[in-house]
């Protein structure tokens, strides 16, 4: 099972945020410039993104957002945009030992960062359990997360702020006026 880390990072890269103690939602776009994109994608890449790769990364992000939304809603995911990006980036399918068996993995054939990201996204999407990809249960939050809890009952993308705020709201609603 995958933790879908890259899928979640791309799905949330342009999601609006409501920081702690903020009264209003703050627009957020981590992919607006190369520095922000590198900060988000650094764990998934061997080197920094180049400025000319940002347009392709944004196209990949849009494809991931559409697929994640469809998976969460239970509708057929629109995979054409992701497949079109993958068709532009040469990859090799390799068979590798995995535990007691074998697993096919996708590898980029050149050092392009976008090729590595596309291959990783496709690998994560093929391995994730669709019922575990969710939106935060807090109404004000639109962030996506992948539920890695053993019981598959995670409700919020993070304990702070969403879990804490939601429990506070329930307690306040139960108190007499």
Protein backbone atom coordinates (compact mmCIF):
# COMPACT_ATOMS: atom_id res chain seq x y z
CA UNK A 1 0.00 0.00 0.00
CA UNK A 2 1.22 3.47 -0.81
CA UNK A 3 0.91 6.61 1.27
CA UNK A 4 0.20 8.63 -1.91
CA UNK A 5 2.47 11.43 -0.66
CA UNK A 6 3.09 13.01 -4.07
CA UNK A 7 -0.57 12.76 -5.09
CA UNK A 8 -1.61 14.48 -1.85
CA UNK A 9 1.11 17.14 -2.16
CA UNK A 10 0.04 18.00 -5.72
CA UNK A 11 -3.68 17.88 -4.87
CA UNK A 12 -3.14 20.40 -2.05
CA UNK A 13 -0.54 22.58 -3.78
CA UNK A 14 -3.11 25.22 -4.78
CA UNK A 15 -5.76 24.62 -2.13
CA UNK A 16 -6.76 27.63 -0.08
CA UNK A 17 -5.78 27.55 3.58
CA UNK A 18 -7.15 28.95 6.81
CA UNK A 19 -4.17 29.28 9.16
CA UNK A 20 -4.60 29.04 12.93
CA UNK A 21 -6.26 32.15 14.37
CA UNK A 22 -7.11 33.49 10.90
CA UNK A 23 -10.66 34.71 10.38
CA UNK A 24 -10.60 34.35 6.61
CA UNK A 25 -9.34 31.86 4.06
CA UNK A 26 -5.97 32.71 2.54
CA UNK A 27 -5.30 31.94 -1.12
CA UNK A 28 -2.40 29.55 -1.49
CA UNK A 29 -0.45 28.60 -4.62
CA UNK A 30 2.76 26.71 -3.90
CA UNK A 31 3.36 26.27 -7.62
CA UNK A 32 3.21 29.97 -8.52
CA UNK A 33 6.99 30.18 -8.71
CA UNK A 34 9.90 27.77 -8.95
CA UNK A 35 11.05 28.26 -5.34
CA UNK A 36 7.65 27.26 -3.96
CA UNK A 37 7.39 24.29 -6.32
CA UNK A 38 10.85 23.13 -5.28
CA UNK A 39 9.88 23.39 -1.61
CA UNK A 40 6.82 21.17 -2.16
CA UNK A 41 8.40 18.68 -4.56
CA UNK A 42 11.93 18.43 -3.12
CA UNK A 43 11.30 15.09 -1.34
CA UNK A 44 10.28 13.51 -4.66
CA UNK A 45 13.12 14.81 -6.86
CA UNK A 46 16.86 14.27 -7.11
CA UNK A 47 17.50 17.92 -7.96
CA UNK A 48 15.69 21.26 -8.20
CA UNK A 49 13.09 22.05 -10.84
CA UNK A 50 14.10 24.37 -13.65
CA UNK A 51 11.92 27.37 -14.52
CA UNK A 52 10.97 25.85 -17.88
CA UNK A 53 9.59 22.73 -16.11
CA UNK A 54 7.08 24.69 -14.03
CA UNK A 55 4.45 24.77 -16.79
CA UNK A 56 4.49 20.97 -17.07
CA UNK A 57 4.38 20.58 -13.28
CA UNK A 58 1.29 22.80 -13.16
CA UNK A 59 -0.33 20.66 -15.88
CA UNK A 60 0.50 17.55 -13.84
CA UNK A 61 -0.99 19.19 -10.76
CA UNK A 62 -4.25 20.00 -12.60
CA UNK A 63 -4.50 16.38 -13.79
CA UNK A 64 -3.91 15.07 -10.25
CA UNK A 65 -6.54 17.43 -8.78
CA UNK A 66 -9.12 16.23 -11.31
CA UNK A 67 -8.31 12.56 -10.69
CA UNK A 68 -8.30 12.95 -6.88
CA UNK A 69 -11.64 14.78 -6.95
CA UNK A 70 -13.17 12.03 -9.08
CA UNK A 71 -11.79 9.25 -6.85
CA UNK A 72 -13.11 11.00 -3.72
CA UNK A 73 -16.54 11.52 -5.33
CA UNK A 74 -16.64 7.93 -6.59
CA UNK A 75 -16.91 8.89 -10.25
CA UNK A 76 -14.70 7.64 -13.09
CA UNK A 77 -11.37 9.50 -12.94
CA UNK A 78 -10.42 11.62 -15.98
CA UNK A 79 -7.06 10.05 -16.84
CA UNK A 80 -6.61 11.48 -20.35
CA UNK A 81 -4.59 14.54 -19.26
CA UNK A 82 -2.24 12.44 -17.13
CA UNK A 83 -1.85 9.88 -19.90
CA UNK A 84 -1.03 12.67 -22.35
CA UNK A 85 1.69 13.96 -20.02
CA UNK A 86 3.04 10.43 -19.61
CA UNK A 87 3.12 9.94 -23.37
CA UNK A 88 5.48 12.91 -23.68
CA UNK A 89 7.85 11.56 -21.04
CA UNK A 90 9.71 8.34 -21.92
CA UNK A 91 9.56 5.70 -19.18
CA UNK A 92 10.55 2.06 -18.74
CA UNK A 93 8.59 -0.59 -16.87
CA UNK A 94 10.93 -2.72 -14.77
CA UNK A 95 10.26 -5.84 -12.73
CA UNK A 96 11.83 -5.74 -9.27
CA UNK A 97 11.83 -8.02 -6.21
CA UNK A 98 9.32 -6.87 -3.62
CA UNK A 99 8.88 -8.75 -0.36
CA UNK A 100 8.25 -12.39 -1.25
CA UNK A 101 7.18 -11.58 -4.79
CA UNK A 102 7.75 -9.21 -7.68
CA UNK A 103 6.45 -5.77 -8.50
CA UNK A 104 6.47 -3.78 -11.71
CA UNK A 105 7.77 -0.24 -11.28
CA UNK A 106 7.93 2.68 -13.68
CA UNK A 107 11.24 4.49 -14.17
CA UNK A 108 11.96 7.64 -16.15
CA UNK A 109 14.46 7.01 -18.96
CA UNK A 110 16.02 10.45 -18.69
CA UNK A 111 16.82 12.77 -15.87
CA UNK A 112 13.90 15.16 -16.46
CA UNK A 113 12.20 16.07 -13.20
CA UNK A 114 8.76 16.09 -14.79
CA UNK A 115 9.25 12.55 -16.10
CA UNK A 116 10.09 11.37 -12.58
CA UNK A 117 7.07 13.16 -11.13
CA UNK A 118 4.70 11.72 -13.74
CA UNK A 119 6.07 8.21 -13.20
CA UNK A 120 5.75 8.55 -9.42
CA UNK A 121 2.20 9.92 -9.63
CA UNK A 122 1.11 7.09 -11.92
CA UNK A 123 2.71 4.53 -9.61
CA UNK A 124 1.02 6.01 -6.52
CA UNK A 125 -2.37 6.26 -8.22
CA UNK A 126 -2.17 2.65 -9.37
CA UNK A 127 -1.35 1.41 -5.85
CA UNK A 128 -3.61 3.54 -3.64
CA UNK A 129 -6.80 2.25 -2.16
CA UNK A 130 -9.50 4.63 -3.52
CA UNK A 131 -11.62 4.58 -0.35
CA UNK A 132 -8.69 5.97 1.67
CA UNK A 133 -8.20 9.10 -0.47
CA UNK A 134 -10.45 11.70 1.20
CA UNK A 135 -11.18 15.35 1.78
CA UNK A 136 -10.89 16.76 5.28
CA UNK A 137 -14.20 16.38 7.16
CA UNK A 138 -14.04 19.91 8.53
CA UNK A 139 -16.43 21.98 6.36
CA UNK A 140 -14.07 24.96 6.09
CA UNK A 141 -11.16 22.80 4.91
CA UNK A 142 -10.78 21.51 1.37
CA UNK A 143 -7.45 19.70 1.79
CA UNK A 144 -7.01 16.15 0.51
CA UNK A 145 -5.32 13.42 2.56
CA UNK A 146 -4.64 9.71 2.30
CA UNK A 147 -5.88 7.78 5.33
CA UNK A 148 -3.03 5.57 6.52
CA UNK A 149 -4.68 4.67 9.84
CA UNK A 150 -5.11 0.97 10.51
CA UNK A 151 -8.88 1.25 10.95
CA UNK A 152 -9.35 3.60 7.96
CA UNK A 153 -11.30 6.08 10.10
CA UNK A 154 -9.19 9.23 9.82
CA UNK A 155 -11.48 12.23 9.36
CA UNK A 156 -9.19 15.26 9.18
CA UNK A 157 -6.10 15.99 7.14
CA UNK A 158 -4.30 16.91 10.38
CA UNK A 159 -5.08 16.93 14.07
CA UNK A 160 -4.10 20.59 14.27
CA UNK A 161 -5.91 22.66 13.30
CA UNK A 162 -8.85 20.68 11.88
CA UNK A 163 -9.34 17.88 14.43
CA UNK A 164 -8.96 20.24 17.37
CA UNK A 165 -11.28 22.89 15.91
CA UNK A 166 -13.98 20.36 15.03
CA UNK A 167 -14.02 18.90 18.56
CA UNK A 168 -14.13 22.43 20.03
CA UNK A 169 -17.12 23.22 17.81
CA UNK A 170 -18.97 20.10 18.99
CA UNK A 171 -18.29 20.87 22.66
CA UNK A 172 -19.50 24.45 22.29
CA UNK A 173 -22.65 23.26 20.54
CA UNK A 174 -23.43 20.89 23.45
CA UNK A 175 -23.09 23.57 26.15
CA UNK A 176 -26.24 25.38 27.20
CA UNK A 177 -26.42 28.98 26.02
